[in-house]
Amino acid sequence: MSSTKVGKVVKLFVSTSEGRIEKKEIALDEKGVLEDKYYDTNANRSVLITSLYSYILASENFIDVKYGQLGENLLIDYNPYHLTSASRLRIGDVILQISQNCTLCKSLTKVDSKLPKLLKDDRGIFAQVVQSGTIKISDNIYLLNDDNSEIKY
């Protein structure tokens, strides 16, 4: 399997009962992000990946959203929203498989009433952990490709 470098990790977050916590690194296994309150709740939704693009889109529409407010575990400088289910990313020593687009979340109305509609297709994508490990800020992101297939962006 070949890979193509597509970006870097910008920020990392975990959700706790006290709120969102920014981390320098996170550990993941097949049940999700360790320390996250959603750990071991739904394998297909174990990791939420959001692109800087979502925050830029909000800003261009005069909505002030702080990093982490979209509920992401990983904020990256690559826009992965075009990736299909089963696409794989390697970040650090972790391999993630895209499982589904992020669903519309009414909790985003707490930030701005227009935000859920604005980001309905651009809030993030969910992934499940295929290979456990650790992800750190500034880790490179690689799109994994079958050697017999074309790279699609």
N, C-alpha and C. Protein backbone atom coordinates (compact mmCIF):
# COMPACT_ATOMS: atom_id res chain seq x y z
N MET A 1 0.84 -1.18 0.00
CA MET A 1 0.00 0.00 0.00
C MET A 1 0.89 1.24 0.00
N SER A 2 0.62 2.17 -0.91
CA SER A 2 1.39 3.41 -0.97
C SER A 2 0.68 4.49 -0.19
N SER A 3 1.37 5.60 0.02
CA SER A 3 0.76 6.71 0.76
C SER A 3 1.22 8.03 0.17
N THR A 4 0.40 9.05 0.39
CA THR A 4 0.69 10.40 -0.07
C THR A 4 0.51 11.35 1.10
N LYS A 5 1.53 12.18 1.38
CA LYS A 5 1.41 13.16 2.44
C LYS A 5 0.40 14.22 2.01
N VAL A 6 -0.60 14.48 2.88
CA VAL A 6 -1.65 15.43 2.52
C VAL A 6 -1.78 16.60 3.49
N GLY A 7 -1.19 16.51 4.67
CA GLY A 7 -1.34 17.59 5.62
C GLY A 7 -0.71 17.31 6.96
N LYS A 8 -1.11 18.13 7.96
CA LYS A 8 -0.59 18.01 9.32
C LYS A 8 -1.72 18.19 10.33
N VAL A 9 -1.46 17.69 11.53
CA VAL A 9 -2.36 17.88 12.65
C VAL A 9 -2.09 19.27 13.25
N VAL A 10 -3.15 20.06 13.42
CA VAL A 10 -3.03 21.41 13.95
C VAL A 10 -3.32 21.45 15.45
N LYS A 11 -4.41 20.80 15.88
CA LYS A 11 -4.82 20.78 17.28
C LYS A 11 -5.44 19.42 17.60
N LEU A 12 -5.42 19.06 18.88
CA LEU A 12 -6.01 17.82 19.36
C LEU A 12 -6.89 18.12 20.57
N PHE A 13 -8.03 17.42 20.67
CA PHE A 13 -8.97 17.66 21.76
C PHE A 13 -9.56 16.36 22.25
N VAL A 14 -9.95 16.37 23.53
CA VAL A 14 -10.78 15.30 24.09
C VAL A 14 -11.97 15.97 24.77
N SER A 15 -13.09 15.28 24.76
CA SER A 15 -14.29 15.74 25.47
C SER A 15 -14.32 15.07 26.83
N THR A 16 -14.56 15.87 27.86
CA THR A 16 -14.70 15.33 29.21
C THR A 16 -16.01 15.85 29.80
N SER A 17 -16.36 15.37 30.96
CA SER A 17 -17.58 15.85 31.61
C SER A 17 -17.46 17.33 31.98
N GLU A 18 -16.24 17.83 32.09
CA GLU A 18 -16.00 19.25 32.39
C GLU A 18 -15.93 20.10 31.13
N GLY A 19 -15.90 19.49 29.95
CA GLY A 19 -15.82 20.24 28.70
C GLY A 19 -14.70 19.75 27.80
N ARG A 20 -14.34 20.57 26.83
CA ARG A 20 -13.30 20.22 25.86
C ARG A 20 -11.93 20.57 26.42
N ILE A 21 -10.98 19.66 26.24
CA ILE A 21 -9.61 19.88 26.71
C ILE A 21 -8.67 19.73 25.52
N GLU A 22 -7.83 20.74 25.33
CA GLU A 22 -6.82 20.67 24.27
C GLU A 22 -5.64 19.86 24.79
N LYS A 23 -5.10 18.99 23.92
CA LYS A 23 -4.00 18.10 24.30
C LYS A 23 -2.83 18.28 23.32
N LYS A 24 -1.64 17.91 23.76
CA LYS A 24 -0.47 17.90 22.87
C LYS A 24 -0.37 16.59 22.12
N GLU A 25 -0.96 15.54 22.72
CA GLU A 25 -1.02 14.23 22.06
C GLU A 25 -2.21 13.47 22.62
N ILE A 26 -2.71 12.56 21.79
CA ILE A 26 -3.81 11.69 22.23
C ILE A 26 -3.46 10.26 21.88
N ALA A 27 -3.91 9.35 22.72
CA ALA A 27 -3.73 7.92 22.48
C ALA A 27 -5.06 7.35 21.99
N LEU A 28 -4.98 6.45 21.01
CA LEU A 28 -6.17 5.84 20.44
C LEU A 28 -6.02 4.33 20.37
N ASP A 29 -7.14 3.63 20.54
CA ASP A 29 -7.18 2.20 20.27
C ASP A 29 -8.47 1.91 19.51
N GLU A 30 -8.77 0.65 19.31
CA GLU A 30 -9.93 0.29 18.47
C GLU A 30 -11.27 0.78 19.02
N LYS A 31 -11.29 1.26 20.26
CA LYS A 31 -12.53 1.77 20.87
C LYS A 31 -12.62 3.29 20.80
N GLY A 32 -11.55 3.94 20.28
CA GLY A 32 -11.59 5.39 20.13
C GLY A 32 -10.45 6.11 20.81
N VAL A 33 -10.73 7.34 21.24
CA VAL A 33 -9.74 8.20 21.86
C VAL A 33 -9.77 7.97 23.37
N LEU A 34 -8.66 7.46 23.91
CA LEU A 34 -8.57 7.26 25.34
C LEU A 34 -8.73 8.61 26.03
N GLU A 35 -9.34 8.65 27.18
CA GLU A 35 -9.62 9.85 27.97
C GLU A 35 -10.85 10.62 27.47
N ASP A 36 -11.39 10.28 26.28
CA ASP A 36 -12.55 10.99 25.75
C ASP A 36 -13.83 10.38 26.33
N LYS A 37 -14.80 11.22 26.67
CA LYS A 37 -16.03 10.72 27.28
C LYS A 37 -16.84 9.85 26.31
N TYR A 38 -16.55 9.93 25.02
CA TYR A 38 -17.25 9.09 24.04
C TYR A 38 -16.50 7.80 23.71
N TYR A 39 -15.41 7.55 24.43
CA TYR A 39 -14.62 6.33 24.24
C TYR A 39 -15.51 5.11 24.42
N ASP A 40 -15.42 4.18 23.48
CA ASP A 40 -16.13 2.91 23.53
C ASP A 40 -17.66 3.07 23.49
N THR A 41 -18.14 4.08 22.74
CA THR A 41 -19.59 4.23 22.61
C THR A 41 -20.09 3.85 21.22
N ASN A 42 -19.28 4.09 20.17
CA ASN A 42 -19.68 3.75 18.81
C ASN A 42 -18.42 3.68 17.95
N ALA A 43 -18.02 2.51 17.55
CA ALA A 43 -16.76 2.32 16.81
C ALA A 43 -16.72 3.15 15.52
N ASN A 44 -17.86 3.29 14.84
CA ASN A 44 -17.89 4.05 13.59
C ASN A 44 -17.78 5.55 13.80
N ARG A 45 -17.96 6.00 15.03
CA ARG A 45 -17.90 7.42 15.34
C ARG A 45 -16.85 7.69 16.42
N SER A 46 -15.79 6.89 16.47
CA SER A 46 -14.84 7.01 17.56
C SER A 46 -13.92 8.21 17.48
N VAL A 47 -13.69 8.76 16.29
CA VAL A 47 -12.79 9.90 16.13
C VAL A 47 -13.46 10.89 15.18
N LEU A 48 -13.55 12.16 15.61
CA LEU A 48 -14.09 13.20 14.74
C LEU A 48 -12.94 14.05 14.24
N ILE A 49 -12.82 14.11 12.91
CA ILE A 49 -11.77 14.87 12.25
C ILE A 49 -12.42 16.09 11.60
N THR A 50 -11.87 17.27 11.89
CA THR A 50 -12.37 18.51 11.30
C THR A 50 -11.21 19.23 10.63
N SER A 51 -11.53 19.89 9.52
CA SER A 51 -10.54 20.64 8.76
C SER A 51 -10.57 22.12 9.16
N LEU A 52 -9.42 22.78 9.04
CA LEU A 52 -9.38 24.23 9.21
C LEU A 52 -10.39 24.90 8.28
N TYR A 53 -10.68 24.24 7.16
CA TYR A 53 -11.64 24.76 6.18
C TYR A 53 -12.98 25.10 6.85
N SER A 54 -13.42 24.30 7.80
CA SER A 54 -14.70 24.55 8.48
C SER A 54 -14.67 25.86 9.24
N TYR A 55 -13.56 26.14 9.89
CA TYR A 55 -13.42 27.38 10.65
C TYR A 55 -13.29 28.58 9.71
N ILE A 56 -12.62 28.39 8.59
CA ILE A 56 -12.52 29.46 7.59
C ILE A 56 -13.90 29.77 7.02
N LEU A 57 -14.66 28.73 6.71
CA LEU A 57 -16.01 28.91 6.19
C LEU A 57 -16.88 29.69 7.19
N ALA A 58 -16.80 29.35 8.45
CA ALA A 58 -17.55 30.07 9.48
C ALA A 58 -17.10 31.53 9.54
N SER A 59 -15.80 31.76 9.54
CA SER A 59 -15.26 33.11 9.61
C SER A 59 -15.69 33.94 8.41
N GLU A 60 -15.68 33.35 7.24
CA GLU A 60 -16.11 34.07 6.02
C GLU A 60 -17.58 34.45 6.09
N ASN A 61 -18.33 33.78 6.95
CA ASN A 61 -19.75 34.08 7.14
C ASN A 61 -19.98 34.83 8.46
N PHE A 62 -18.91 35.46 8.97
CA PHE A 62 -18.96 36.32 10.14
C PHE A 62 -19.43 35.59 11.41
N ILE A 63 -19.03 34.32 11.52
CA ILE A 63 -19.33 33.53 12.71
C ILE A 63 -18.00 33.22 13.40
N ASP A 64 -17.89 33.64 14.66
CA ASP A 64 -16.67 33.43 15.42
C ASP A 64 -16.74 32.08 16.14
N VAL A 65 -15.94 31.14 15.69
CA VAL A 65 -15.90 29.80 16.29
C VAL A 65 -14.46 29.54 16.73
N LYS A 66 -14.30 29.17 17.98
CA LYS A 66 -12.96 28.86 18.48
C LYS A 66 -12.63 27.40 18.21
N TYR A 67 -11.35 27.13 17.95
CA TYR A 67 -10.93 25.75 17.69
C TYR A 67 -11.43 24.84 18.81
N GLY A 68 -11.97 23.70 18.41
CA GLY A 68 -12.50 22.73 19.35
C GLY A 68 -14.00 22.81 19.53
N GLN A 69 -14.60 23.96 19.19
CA GLN A 69 -16.04 24.13 19.40
C GLN A 69 -16.89 23.30 18.45
N LEU A 70 -16.29 22.74 17.40
CA LEU A 70 -17.05 21.89 16.49
C LEU A 70 -17.07 20.44 16.99
N GLY A 71 -16.43 20.19 18.12
CA GLY A 71 -16.46 18.87 18.74
C GLY A 71 -15.41 17.91 18.25
N GLU A 72 -14.46 18.41 17.47
CA GLU A 72 -13.46 17.53 16.88
C GLU A 72 -12.45 17.01 17.89
N ASN A 73 -11.91 15.82 17.56
CA ASN A 73 -10.75 15.29 18.27
C ASN A 73 -9.48 15.76 17.57
N LEU A 74 -9.52 15.77 16.22
CA LEU A 74 -8.37 16.19 15.43
C LEU A 74 -8.78 17.37 14.55
N LEU A 75 -8.01 18.45 14.64
CA LEU A 75 -8.15 19.58 13.72
C LEU A 75 -6.94 19.51 12.81
N ILE A 76 -7.20 19.45 11.50
CA ILE A 76 -6.12 19.25 10.54
C ILE A 76 -6.13 20.34 9.47
N ASP A 77 -5.00 20.50 8.78
CA ASP A 77 -4.91 21.52 7.73
C ASP A 77 -5.19 20.95 6.34
N TYR A 78 -5.83 19.82 6.29
CA TYR A 78 -6.20 19.14 5.05
C TYR A 78 -7.72 18.98 5.05
N ASN A 79 -8.35 19.18 3.91
CA ASN A 79 -9.80 19.03 3.84
C ASN A 79 -10.13 17.61 3.39
N PRO A 80 -10.55 16.75 4.33
CA PRO A 80 -10.82 15.35 4.01
C PRO A 80 -12.28 15.05 3.67
N TYR A 81 -13.11 16.09 3.55
CA TYR A 81 -14.55 15.86 3.44
C TYR A 81 -14.97 15.15 2.15
N HIS A 82 -14.10 15.13 1.18
CA HIS A 82 -14.39 14.41 -0.08
C HIS A 82 -14.08 12.91 0.02
N LEU A 83 -13.38 12.50 1.07
CA LEU A 83 -12.99 11.10 1.19
C LEU A 83 -14.22 10.21 1.38
N THR A 84 -14.15 9.05 0.80
CA THR A 84 -15.26 8.12 0.91
C THR A 84 -15.05 7.17 2.08
N SER A 85 -16.13 6.56 2.49
CA SER A 85 -16.07 5.55 3.52
C SER A 85 -15.05 4.50 3.10
N ALA A 86 -14.24 4.05 4.01
CA ALA A 86 -13.18 3.06 3.80
C ALA A 86 -11.86 3.69 3.39
N SER A 87 -11.82 5.00 3.09
CA SER A 87 -10.53 5.66 2.86
C SER A 87 -9.75 5.60 4.17
N ARG A 88 -8.43 5.50 4.06
CA ARG A 88 -7.60 5.38 5.26
C ARG A 88 -6.56 6.48 5.33
N LEU A 89 -6.34 6.96 6.56
CA LEU A 89 -5.32 7.95 6.84
C LEU A 89 -4.35 7.38 7.87
N ARG A 90 -3.06 7.65 7.68
CA ARG A 90 -2.06 7.31 8.70
C ARG A 90 -1.59 8.61 9.31
N ILE A 91 -1.70 8.71 10.62
CA ILE A 91 -1.28 9.89 11.36
C ILE A 91 -0.47 9.39 12.54
N GLY A 92 0.80 9.79 12.61
CA GLY A 92 1.67 9.21 13.62
C GLY A 92 1.74 7.71 13.36
N ASP A 93 1.53 6.91 14.39
CA ASP A 93 1.53 5.46 14.18
C ASP A 93 0.11 4.90 14.16
N VAL A 94 -0.87 5.79 14.03
CA VAL A 94 -2.28 5.41 14.01
C VAL A 94 -2.78 5.33 12.57
N ILE A 95 -3.62 4.34 12.30
CA ILE A 95 -4.33 4.28 11.02
C ILE A 95 -5.82 4.42 11.32
N LEU A 96 -6.42 5.40 10.64
CA LEU A 96 -7.85 5.66 10.78
C LEU A 96 -8.54 5.34 9.47
N GLN A 97 -9.73 4.78 9.57
CA GLN A 97 -10.55 4.50 8.39
C GLN A 97 -11.80 5.36 8.46
N ILE A 98 -12.04 6.13 7.41
CA ILE A 98 -13.21 7.00 7.37
C ILE A 98 -14.46 6.11 7.41
N SER A 99 -15.40 6.47 8.28
CA SER A 99 -16.60 5.66 8.41
C SER A 99 -17.86 6.39 7.94
N GLN A 100 -17.95 7.69 8.19
CA GLN A 100 -19.14 8.43 7.76
C GLN A 100 -18.92 9.92 7.92
N ASN A 101 -19.74 10.71 7.20
CA ASN A 101 -19.72 12.16 7.39
C ASN A 101 -20.33 12.47 8.74
N CYS A 102 -19.91 13.57 9.30
CA CYS A 102 -20.46 14.01 10.57
C CYS A 102 -21.90 14.47 10.35
N THR A 103 -22.75 14.08 11.24
CA THR A 103 -24.16 14.44 11.14
C THR A 103 -24.38 15.87 11.63
N LEU A 104 -25.46 16.46 11.20
CA LEU A 104 -25.83 17.80 11.62
C LEU A 104 -26.08 17.81 13.13
N CYS A 105 -25.49 18.76 13.83
CA CYS A 105 -25.57 18.78 15.28
C CYS A 105 -26.21 20.08 15.76
N LYS A 106 -27.35 19.95 16.41
CA LYS A 106 -28.06 21.14 16.89
C LYS A 106 -27.31 21.87 17.99
N SER A 107 -26.37 21.19 18.65
CA SER A 107 -25.61 21.86 19.71
C SER A 107 -24.76 23.00 19.15
N LEU A 108 -24.52 23.00 17.85
CA LEU A 108 -23.75 24.08 17.23
C LEU A 108 -24.52 25.40 17.26
N THR A 109 -25.84 25.33 17.48
CA THR A 109 -26.62 26.57 17.57
C THR A 109 -26.22 27.39 18.80
N LYS A 110 -25.58 26.75 19.78
CA LYS A 110 -25.09 27.48 20.95
C LYS A 110 -24.01 28.48 20.55
N VAL A 111 -23.28 28.17 19.48
CA VAL A 111 -22.25 29.07 18.96
C VAL A 111 -22.90 30.15 18.11
N ASP A 112 -23.74 29.72 17.15
CA ASP A 112 -24.47 30.63 16.27
C ASP A 112 -25.61 29.85 15.62
N SER A 113 -26.77 30.45 15.55
CA SER A 113 -27.95 29.75 15.01
C SER A 113 -27.78 29.34 13.55
N LYS A 114 -26.90 30.03 12.80
CA LYS A 114 -26.70 29.71 11.38
C LYS A 114 -25.65 28.61 11.17
N LEU A 115 -24.89 28.29 12.20
CA LEU A 115 -23.76 27.37 12.05
C LEU A 115 -24.15 25.95 11.60
N PRO A 116 -25.16 25.31 12.17
CA PRO A 116 -25.48 23.94 11.72
C PRO A 116 -25.79 23.86 10.22
N LYS A 117 -26.57 24.79 9.72
CA LYS A 117 -26.92 24.78 8.30
C LYS A 117 -25.70 25.08 7.44
N LEU A 118 -24.89 26.06 7.86
CA LEU A 118 -23.70 26.44 7.11
C LEU A 118 -22.72 25.27 6.98
N LEU A 119 -22.55 24.50 8.07
CA LEU A 119 -21.55 23.42 8.09
C LEU A 119 -22.16 22.03 7.88
N LYS A 120 -23.37 21.95 7.36
CA LYS A 120 -24.04 20.64 7.26
C LYS A 120 -23.22 19.61 6.50
N ASP A 121 -22.44 20.03 5.52
CA ASP A 121 -21.58 19.09 4.78
C ASP A 121 -20.10 19.32 5.07
N ASP A 122 -19.80 20.26 5.94
CA ASP A 122 -18.41 20.66 6.16
C ASP A 122 -18.00 20.76 7.63
N ARG A 123 -18.68 20.03 8.50
CA ARG A 123 -18.31 20.07 9.91
C ARG A 123 -17.18 19.10 10.22
N GLY A 124 -17.19 17.94 9.58
CA GLY A 124 -16.16 16.96 9.88
C GLY A 124 -16.55 15.58 9.37
N ILE A 125 -15.65 14.65 9.60
CA ILE A 125 -15.91 13.25 9.24
C ILE A 125 -15.52 12.38 10.43
N PHE A 126 -16.25 11.28 10.54
CA PHE A 126 -15.94 10.31 11.58
C PHE A 126 -15.03 9.23 11.01
N ALA A 127 -14.18 8.71 11.90
CA ALA A 127 -13.29 7.62 11.52
C ALA A 127 -13.24 6.62 12.67
N GLN A 128 -12.91 5.40 12.31
CA GLN A 128 -12.67 4.38 13.32
C GLN A 128 -11.20 4.04 13.30
N VAL A 129 -10.71 3.57 14.43
CA VAL A 129 -9.29 3.27 14.57
C VAL A 129 -9.03 1.85 14.06
N VAL A 130 -8.14 1.74 13.09
CA VAL A 130 -7.74 0.45 12.52
C VAL A 130 -6.47 -0.03 13.20
N GLN A 131 -5.57 0.91 13.48
CA GLN A 131 -4.30 0.59 14.15
C GLN A 131 -4.11 1.57 15.30
N SER A 132 -3.97 1.04 16.51
CA SER A 132 -3.82 1.85 17.72
C SER A 132 -2.48 2.58 17.73
N GLY A 133 -2.42 3.63 18.53
CA GLY A 133 -1.18 4.36 18.69
C GLY A 133 -1.42 5.75 19.25
N THR A 134 -0.49 6.65 18.96
CA THR A 134 -0.52 8.01 19.48
C THR A 134 -0.44 9.00 18.33
N ILE A 135 -1.20 10.07 18.45
CA ILE A 135 -1.15 11.18 17.49
C ILE A 135 -0.72 12.42 18.26
N LYS A 136 0.21 13.18 17.68
CA LYS A 136 0.73 14.40 18.29
C LYS A 136 0.46 15.59 17.37
N ILE A 137 0.42 16.77 17.98
CA ILE A 137 0.32 17.99 17.18
C ILE A 137 1.51 18.03 16.22
N SER A 138 1.26 18.47 15.01
CA SER A 138 2.24 18.59 13.91
C SER A 138 2.57 17.27 13.24
N ASP A 139 1.97 16.15 13.67
CA ASP A 139 2.19 14.89 12.95
C ASP A 139 1.71 15.05 11.51
N ASN A 140 2.44 14.44 10.60
CA ASN A 140 2.04 14.42 9.20
C ASN A 140 0.85 13.49 9.00
N ILE A 141 0.04 13.81 8.01
CA ILE A 141 -1.11 12.99 7.64
C ILE A 141 -0.86 12.41 6.27
N TYR A 142 -1.02 11.10 6.16
CA TYR A 142 -0.82 10.40 4.89
C TYR A 142 -2.11 9.73 4.47
N LEU A 143 -2.48 9.93 3.22
CA LEU A 143 -3.61 9.22 2.63
C LEU A 143 -3.07 7.91 2.10
N LEU A 144 -3.60 6.80 2.59
CA LEU A 144 -3.14 5.49 2.16
C LEU A 144 -3.91 5.07 0.92
N ASN A 145 -3.19 4.51 -0.04
CA ASN A 145 -3.80 4.11 -1.30
C ASN A 145 -3.42 2.68 -1.62
N ASP A 146 -4.37 1.95 -2.19
CA ASP A 146 -4.02 0.63 -2.72
C ASP A 146 -3.03 0.87 -3.84
N ASP A 147 -2.03 0.04 -3.94
CA ASP A 147 -1.02 0.24 -4.97
C ASP A 147 -1.58 0.20 -6.38
N ASN A 148 -2.72 -0.42 -6.57
CA ASN A 148 -3.32 -0.53 -7.90
C ASN A 148 -4.33 0.55 -8.20
N SER A 149 -4.52 1.49 -7.29
CA SER A 149 -5.53 2.52 -7.54
C SER A 149 -4.91 3.90 -7.70
N GLU A 150 -5.65 4.77 -8.35
CA GLU A 150 -5.20 6.14 -8.51
C GLU A 150 -5.47 6.93 -7.24
N ILE A 151 -4.65 7.92 -6.99
CA ILE A 151 -4.88 8.82 -5.87
C ILE A 151 -5.97 9.79 -6.31
N LYS A 152 -6.99 9.95 -5.48
CA LYS A 152 -8.08 10.86 -5.82
C LYS A 152 -8.17 11.93 -4.75
N TYR A 153 -8.28 13.17 -5.20
CA TYR A 153 -8.38 14.30 -4.26
C TYR A 153 -9.69 15.00 -4.43
